[in-house]
Amino acid sequence: MGTPQHKIGSRFGARSTAEGVLRGTDLSGRLAIVTGGYSGLGLEVTRALAGTGAHVVVPARRRATAQKAVADIDGVEVDELDLGDLETVRGFAEHFLASGRTVDIVINNAGVMACPETRVGPGWEAQFAVNHLGHYALVNRLWPALASGARVVSVSSAGHQLSAMRWDDVHFNTGYDRWQAYGQAKTANALFAKHLDALGRNTGVRAYSLHPGAIITPLQRHLSSQDMAAKGWIDDAGNVIHPDFKTPQQGAATSVWAATSPLLANLGGAYCEDCDVAELTTSDEGWSGVRDYAIDPVQAARLWALSADLTGVDAFAATAR
């Protein structure tokens, strides 16, 4: 299975913040790409990376909104990209490659959660398409620009425990369930990182996935207040009451830790949480840990092949032959 899923004893934890994780780190001269880096966790990731000297590129579906959100952060640029539209993914990547710059960090942060049944592209289920296929295509198209030593971080979720890959009906053509669709998409995020690391490690590129924690952000836009209150997340006034929920600054911590920690240098493909490598779990009680199906190298390779077929993009096709 490759990298063991065992805690490694980082000095950070569930209540660490992105700023705290990066304190004393100098990323001057480094370039990071953060999808969704203008809202929720992504905005805090952008702020933290830029605060250490990194230049951050934020691909955004709502370009004007993104520019307004990051206007007070030095060292950030915004470009247009819609993960549900692979032509815009191509356009963003071609524009970036034409600039001649290299990439040191890619954080696949943007996503959608528990949306009503929605179809994008040629009829793809939207959560799988946006959360996984769009990021798959983006990283593959950017591959020529990734520097040796670069890291690709995929923001998965404990929600992956809701569903393994549904190989017989990936796009929910029969019986759509918004939470199972979210779970499958988050499993796909983890499997993507697993196989990308296997493909990229010989060139010095490593990949990781992670659960950022439970946080109230715009990600919950498709959930009503009643939905969230019924789950015990908020009270009737909209205040967060669940004791395990994090602030956005805390939720961004594991992303920047996975992107920069020297402790992970030889642990590519790992699924992380609370600024550490997560443990394997088989328990249906609680949300910590990672299921074996989300880091299985055979399923990861199968997902890569499916994604290449669906998107028509595979930076490693020539290498494979």
Protein backbone atom coordinates (compact mmCIF):
# COMPACT_ATOMS: atom_id res chain seq x y z
CA MET A 1 0.00 0.00 0.00
CA GLY A 2 3.06 2.29 0.06
CA THR A 3 3.23 4.97 2.72
CA PRO A 4 2.06 3.62 6.10
CA GLN A 5 -0.96 5.46 7.51
CA HIS A 6 0.41 6.14 10.98
CA LYS A 7 0.83 9.36 12.93
CA ILE A 8 4.35 10.72 12.79
CA GLY A 9 4.18 13.05 15.76
CA SER A 10 4.18 16.50 14.25
CA ARG A 11 4.15 19.29 16.81
CA PHE A 12 0.87 20.59 15.46
CA GLY A 13 -2.69 19.42 15.95
CA ALA A 14 -6.40 20.00 15.45
CA ARG A 15 -6.32 23.54 16.84
CA SER A 16 -3.22 24.70 14.99
CA THR A 17 -3.74 27.50 12.49
CA ALA A 18 -2.28 27.93 9.03
CA GLU A 19 -0.33 30.97 10.20
CA GLY A 20 1.04 29.01 13.16
CA VAL A 21 2.09 26.08 11.00
CA LEU A 22 4.00 28.38 8.64
CA ARG A 23 5.55 30.60 11.32
CA GLY A 24 9.27 30.86 10.59
CA THR A 25 8.88 29.43 7.07
CA ASP A 26 10.19 31.47 4.15
CA LEU A 27 8.54 30.71 0.81
CA SER A 28 10.05 33.68 -1.03
CA GLY A 29 10.56 32.83 -4.68
CA ARG A 30 8.04 29.95 -4.56
CA LEU A 31 4.84 29.88 -6.58
CA ALA A 32 1.63 28.25 -5.39
CA ILE A 33 -1.65 27.63 -7.20
CA VAL A 34 -4.69 27.39 -4.92
CA THR A 35 -8.04 26.55 -6.49
CA GLY A 36 -10.90 28.24 -4.69
CA GLY A 37 -8.28 30.37 -2.97
CA TYR A 38 -10.63 33.30 -2.51
CA SER A 39 -13.28 31.85 -0.22
CA GLY A 40 -13.52 29.85 3.00
CA LEU A 41 -10.53 27.62 3.69
CA GLY A 42 -8.95 28.51 0.38
CA LEU A 43 -8.79 32.18 1.26
CA GLU A 44 -7.03 31.34 4.53
CA VAL A 45 -4.58 29.11 2.66
CA THR A 46 -3.87 31.91 0.21
CA ARG A 47 -3.40 34.41 3.02
CA ALA A 48 -1.03 32.12 4.93
CA LEU A 49 1.12 31.19 1.92
CA ALA A 50 1.37 34.79 0.70
CA GLY A 51 2.26 35.84 4.24
CA THR A 52 5.42 33.74 4.05
CA GLY A 53 6.53 35.26 0.76
CA ALA A 54 4.99 32.87 -1.77
CA HIS A 55 3.42 34.19 -4.94
CA VAL A 56 -0.08 32.72 -5.10
CA VAL A 57 -2.13 32.21 -8.25
CA VAL A 58 -5.85 31.83 -7.60
CA PRO A 59 -7.86 30.27 -10.43
CA ALA A 60 -11.46 31.38 -9.99
CA ARG A 61 -14.85 30.77 -11.56
CA ARG A 62 -15.99 34.17 -10.24
CA ARG A 63 -13.01 36.29 -11.21
CA ALA A 64 -14.32 39.67 -10.04
CA THR A 65 -15.41 38.20 -6.70
CA ALA A 66 -11.99 36.60 -6.26
CA GLN A 67 -10.12 39.79 -7.07
CA LYS A 68 -12.15 41.65 -4.46
CA ALA A 69 -11.57 38.93 -1.84
CA VAL A 70 -7.77 38.91 -2.21
CA ALA A 71 -7.31 42.63 -2.87
CA ASP A 72 -5.69 43.21 0.52
CA ILE A 73 -3.19 40.34 0.17
CA ASP A 74 0.15 41.12 -1.44
CA GLY A 75 1.59 38.68 -3.94
CA VAL A 76 -1.66 37.21 -5.25
CA GLU A 77 -2.94 37.10 -8.82
CA VAL A 78 -6.30 35.84 -10.09
CA ASP A 79 -7.06 34.07 -13.35
CA GLU A 80 -10.20 32.51 -14.75
CA LEU A 81 -11.05 28.82 -14.38
CA ASP A 82 -14.23 26.80 -13.94
CA LEU A 83 -13.48 23.24 -12.80
CA GLY A 84 -16.77 22.11 -14.28
CA ASP A 85 -15.73 23.34 -17.75
CA LEU A 86 -12.62 21.57 -19.03
CA GLU A 87 -12.12 24.14 -21.80
CA THR A 88 -11.50 26.79 -19.15
CA VAL A 89 -9.13 24.38 -17.41
CA ARG A 90 -7.25 24.06 -20.67
CA GLY A 91 -7.24 27.82 -21.15
CA PHE A 92 -5.93 28.52 -17.66
CA ALA A 93 -3.16 25.94 -18.00
CA GLU A 94 -2.10 27.15 -21.44
CA HIS A 95 -2.02 30.74 -20.21
CA PHE A 96 0.10 29.74 -17.23
CA LEU A 97 2.49 27.57 -19.26
CA ALA A 98 2.98 30.43 -21.72
CA SER A 99 4.28 32.57 -18.86
CA GLY A 100 7.29 30.27 -18.52
CA ARG A 101 6.95 30.03 -14.75
CA THR A 102 7.31 26.93 -12.61
CA VAL A 103 5.00 25.73 -9.85
CA ASP A 104 6.15 24.62 -6.41
CA ILE A 105 2.79 23.99 -4.71
CA VAL A 106 -0.63 23.08 -6.08
CA ILE A 107 -3.49 22.92 -3.60
CA ASN A 108 -6.66 21.45 -5.07
CA ASN A 109 -8.98 23.14 -2.61
CA ALA A 110 -12.09 24.16 -4.52
CA GLY A 111 -15.14 21.97 -4.37
CA VAL A 112 -18.87 21.50 -4.04
CA MET A 113 -20.70 19.55 -1.35
CA ALA A 114 -24.08 17.80 -1.26
CA CYS A 115 -25.57 19.75 -4.15
CA PRO A 116 -28.86 18.85 -5.84
CA GLU A 117 -28.42 16.56 -8.81
CA THR A 118 -26.49 18.60 -11.36
CA ARG A 119 -24.88 17.63 -14.64
CA VAL A 120 -21.87 19.30 -16.25
CA GLY A 121 -19.92 18.69 -19.44
CA PRO A 122 -21.19 15.62 -21.29
CA GLY A 123 -23.58 14.71 -18.48
CA TRP A 124 -21.08 14.08 -15.68
CA GLU A 125 -22.29 14.14 -12.08
CA ALA A 126 -21.21 17.56 -10.83
CA GLN A 127 -19.53 16.64 -7.55
CA PHE A 128 -17.31 14.03 -9.19
CA ALA A 129 -16.65 16.34 -12.13
CA VAL A 130 -15.82 19.50 -10.16
CA ASN A 131 -14.09 18.00 -7.13
CA HIS A 132 -12.11 15.38 -9.02
CA LEU A 133 -12.11 15.50 -12.83
CA GLY A 134 -11.47 19.24 -13.05
CA HIS A 135 -8.51 18.99 -10.68
CA TYR A 136 -7.24 15.87 -12.44
CA ALA A 137 -7.22 17.71 -15.77
CA LEU A 138 -5.68 20.83 -14.24
CA VAL A 139 -2.71 19.05 -12.67
CA ASN A 140 -2.08 16.97 -15.78
CA ARG A 141 -2.11 20.05 -18.01
CA LEU A 142 0.17 21.91 -15.60
CA TRP A 143 2.55 18.96 -15.28
CA PRO A 144 5.29 20.46 -17.54
CA ALA A 145 5.51 23.43 -15.15
CA LEU A 146 5.78 21.49 -11.89
CA ALA A 147 9.25 21.90 -10.43
CA SER A 148 11.26 19.04 -9.00
CA GLY A 149 10.37 19.08 -5.31
CA ALA A 150 6.87 20.38 -5.99
CA ARG A 151 3.92 19.17 -3.93
CA VAL A 152 0.34 18.60 -5.03
CA VAL A 153 -2.18 18.64 -2.19
CA SER A 154 -5.74 17.42 -2.67
CA VAL A 155 -8.33 18.52 -0.13
CA SER A 156 -10.42 15.42 0.48
CA SER A 157 -12.66 15.02 3.51
CA ALA A 158 -13.77 12.63 6.22
CA GLY A 159 -16.81 12.55 3.96
CA HIS A 160 -14.92 9.95 1.90
CA GLN A 161 -16.19 7.49 4.50
CA LEU A 162 -19.69 7.91 3.04
CA SER A 163 -18.83 6.08 -0.17
CA ALA A 164 -16.14 4.15 -1.95
CA MET A 165 -15.90 4.49 -5.74
CA ARG A 166 -19.13 3.36 -7.42
CA TRP A 167 -17.46 1.75 -10.39
CA ASP A 168 -20.74 0.49 -11.84
CA ASP A 169 -22.33 3.96 -11.81
CA VAL A 170 -19.78 6.69 -11.16
CA HIS A 171 -22.08 9.42 -12.48
CA PHE A 172 -25.19 8.34 -10.54
CA ASN A 173 -27.22 7.82 -13.67
CA THR A 174 -29.60 5.84 -11.48
CA GLY A 175 -30.57 6.79 -7.94
CA TYR A 176 -28.75 10.06 -7.18
CA ASP A 177 -27.89 10.60 -3.53
CA ARG A 178 -26.17 13.92 -2.78
CA TRP A 179 -24.20 12.61 0.21
CA GLN A 180 -23.02 9.43 -1.49
CA ALA A 181 -21.99 11.53 -4.48
CA TYR A 182 -20.01 13.80 -2.18
CA GLY A 183 -18.41 10.78 -0.48
CA GLN A 184 -17.36 9.26 -3.79
CA ALA A 185 -15.86 12.58 -4.94
CA LYS A 186 -13.83 12.87 -1.75
CA THR A 187 -12.63 9.28 -2.11
CA ALA A 188 -11.58 10.20 -5.63
CA ASN A 189 -9.55 13.14 -4.28
CA ALA A 190 -7.57 10.79 -2.05
CA LEU A 191 -7.07 8.16 -4.76
CA PHE A 192 -5.90 10.85 -7.20
CA ALA A 193 -3.16 11.92 -4.79
CA LYS A 194 -2.16 8.30 -4.23
CA HIS A 195 -1.58 7.55 -7.90
CA LEU A 196 -0.13 10.94 -8.79
CA ASP A 197 2.51 10.39 -6.13
CA ALA A 198 3.35 6.97 -7.55
CA LEU A 199 3.72 8.47 -11.03
CA GLY A 200 5.54 11.64 -10.03
CA ARG A 201 7.92 10.65 -7.25
CA ASN A 202 10.78 9.73 -9.62
CA THR A 203 10.78 13.32 -10.88
CA GLY A 204 10.66 14.71 -7.34
CA VAL A 205 6.96 15.62 -7.30
CA ARG A 206 5.01 14.31 -4.30
CA ALA A 207 1.28 14.32 -3.65
CA TYR A 208 -0.88 14.20 -0.53
CA SER A 209 -4.55 14.26 0.41
CA LEU A 210 -6.20 15.44 3.59
CA HIS A 211 -9.25 16.03 5.71
CA PRO A 212 -9.21 19.70 6.77
CA GLY A 213 -11.69 19.20 9.58
CA ALA A 214 -15.30 20.24 9.94
CA ILE A 215 -15.74 23.96 9.36
CA ILE A 216 -18.68 26.19 8.47
CA THR A 217 -17.75 27.89 5.19
CA PRO A 218 -19.48 28.67 1.89
CA LEU A 219 -18.99 24.97 1.08
CA GLN A 220 -22.28 24.40 2.91
CA ARG A 221 -24.19 26.65 0.48
CA HIS A 222 -26.42 23.76 -0.56
CA LEU A 223 -27.43 22.95 3.01
CA SER A 224 -30.22 24.79 4.78
CA SER A 225 -29.94 26.09 8.32
CA GLN A 226 -32.42 23.39 9.26
CA ASP A 227 -30.15 20.73 7.73
CA MET A 228 -27.16 21.91 9.72
CA ALA A 229 -29.13 22.36 12.95
CA ALA A 230 -30.48 18.82 12.61
CA LYS A 231 -26.92 17.53 12.37
CA GLY A 232 -25.98 19.41 15.54
CA TRP A 233 -23.59 21.75 13.76
CA ILE A 234 -25.32 25.05 14.56
CA ASP A 235 -28.04 26.35 16.86
CA ASP A 236 -31.24 28.07 15.79
CA ALA A 237 -29.42 31.40 15.64
CA GLY A 238 -26.78 30.04 13.27
CA ASN A 239 -23.97 29.82 15.84
CA VAL A 240 -21.55 26.89 15.58
CA ILE A 241 -22.14 24.61 18.56
CA HIS A 242 -20.42 21.35 17.59
CA PRO A 243 -17.32 20.99 19.79
CA ASP A 244 -15.19 19.43 17.05
CA PHE A 245 -15.71 22.18 14.47
CA LYS A 246 -12.72 24.30 13.53
CA THR A 247 -12.31 27.91 12.53
CA PRO A 248 -11.38 28.55 8.88
CA GLN A 249 -7.84 29.42 10.02
CA GLN A 250 -7.58 26.06 11.78
CA GLY A 251 -9.17 24.28 8.84
CA ALA A 252 -6.49 25.65 6.50
CA ALA A 253 -3.64 24.38 8.68
CA THR A 254 -3.40 20.82 7.37
CA SER A 255 -3.33 22.04 3.76
CA VAL A 256 -0.31 24.27 4.29
CA TRP A 257 1.33 21.65 6.52
CA ALA A 258 1.01 19.02 3.80
CA ALA A 259 2.35 21.52 1.26
CA THR A 260 5.46 22.44 3.23
CA SER A 261 6.35 20.10 6.11
CA PRO A 262 9.77 18.44 5.78
CA LEU A 263 8.38 15.57 7.87
CA LEU A 264 6.42 14.45 4.80
CA ALA A 265 9.34 14.47 2.40
CA ASN A 266 9.45 10.68 2.09
CA LEU A 267 5.80 9.99 2.84
CA GLY A 268 4.14 10.83 -0.47
CA GLY A 269 0.64 9.56 -1.08
CA ALA A 270 -0.35 9.90 2.55
CA TYR A 271 -3.79 10.98 3.69
CA CYS A 272 -3.47 13.54 6.48
CA GLU A 273 -5.63 15.15 9.15
CA ASP A 274 -5.01 17.54 12.06
CA CYS A 275 -1.51 18.32 10.72
CA ASP A 276 -0.37 14.70 10.88
CA VAL A 277 -0.64 11.50 8.90
CA ALA A 278 -4.01 9.89 9.59
CA GLU A 279 -4.51 6.38 10.90
CA LEU A 280 -6.42 3.71 9.01
CA THR A 281 -9.93 3.18 10.30
CA THR A 282 -12.69 0.60 9.91
CA SER A 283 -14.97 2.17 12.51
CA ASP A 284 -18.42 3.48 11.69
CA GLU A 285 -18.30 5.63 14.83
CA GLY A 286 -16.73 9.04 14.42
CA TRP A 287 -15.06 10.61 11.40
CA SER A 288 -11.33 10.38 12.06
CA GLY A 289 -8.95 8.28 10.01
CA VAL A 290 -8.93 7.04 6.44
CA ARG A 291 -10.65 4.05 4.88
CA ASP A 292 -8.44 1.56 3.08
CA TYR A 293 -10.39 1.95 -0.18
CA ALA A 294 -9.41 5.64 -0.34
CA ILE A 295 -5.69 4.87 -0.44
CA ASP A 296 -5.75 1.56 -2.30
CA PRO A 297 -3.15 1.71 -5.12
CA VAL A 298 -5.15 -0.64 -7.37
CA GLN A 299 -8.27 1.51 -7.14
CA ALA A 300 -6.11 4.63 -7.52
CA ALA A 301 -4.70 3.32 -10.81
CA ARG A 302 -8.18 2.36 -11.98
CA LEU A 303 -9.49 5.85 -11.22
CA TRP A 304 -6.56 7.42 -13.08
CA ALA A 305 -7.32 5.34 -16.17
CA LEU A 306 -11.01 6.25 -16.00
CA SER A 307 -10.19 9.95 -15.55
CA ALA A 308 -7.79 9.91 -18.50
CA ASP A 309 -10.49 8.31 -20.65
CA LEU A 310 -13.17 10.79 -19.59
CA THR A 311 -11.06 13.95 -19.90
CA GLY A 312 -8.75 12.95 -22.74
CA VAL A 313 -5.78 14.16 -20.69
CA ASP A 314 -2.89 12.12 -19.27
CA ALA A 315 0.53 13.72 -18.80
CA PHE A 316 2.07 10.30 -18.20
CA ALA A 317 0.65 8.42 -21.19
CA ALA A 318 3.91 8.49 -23.12
CA THR A 319 5.83 7.44 -20.02
CA ALA A 320 3.46 4.53 -19.50
CA ARG A 321 4.15 3.25 -23.00
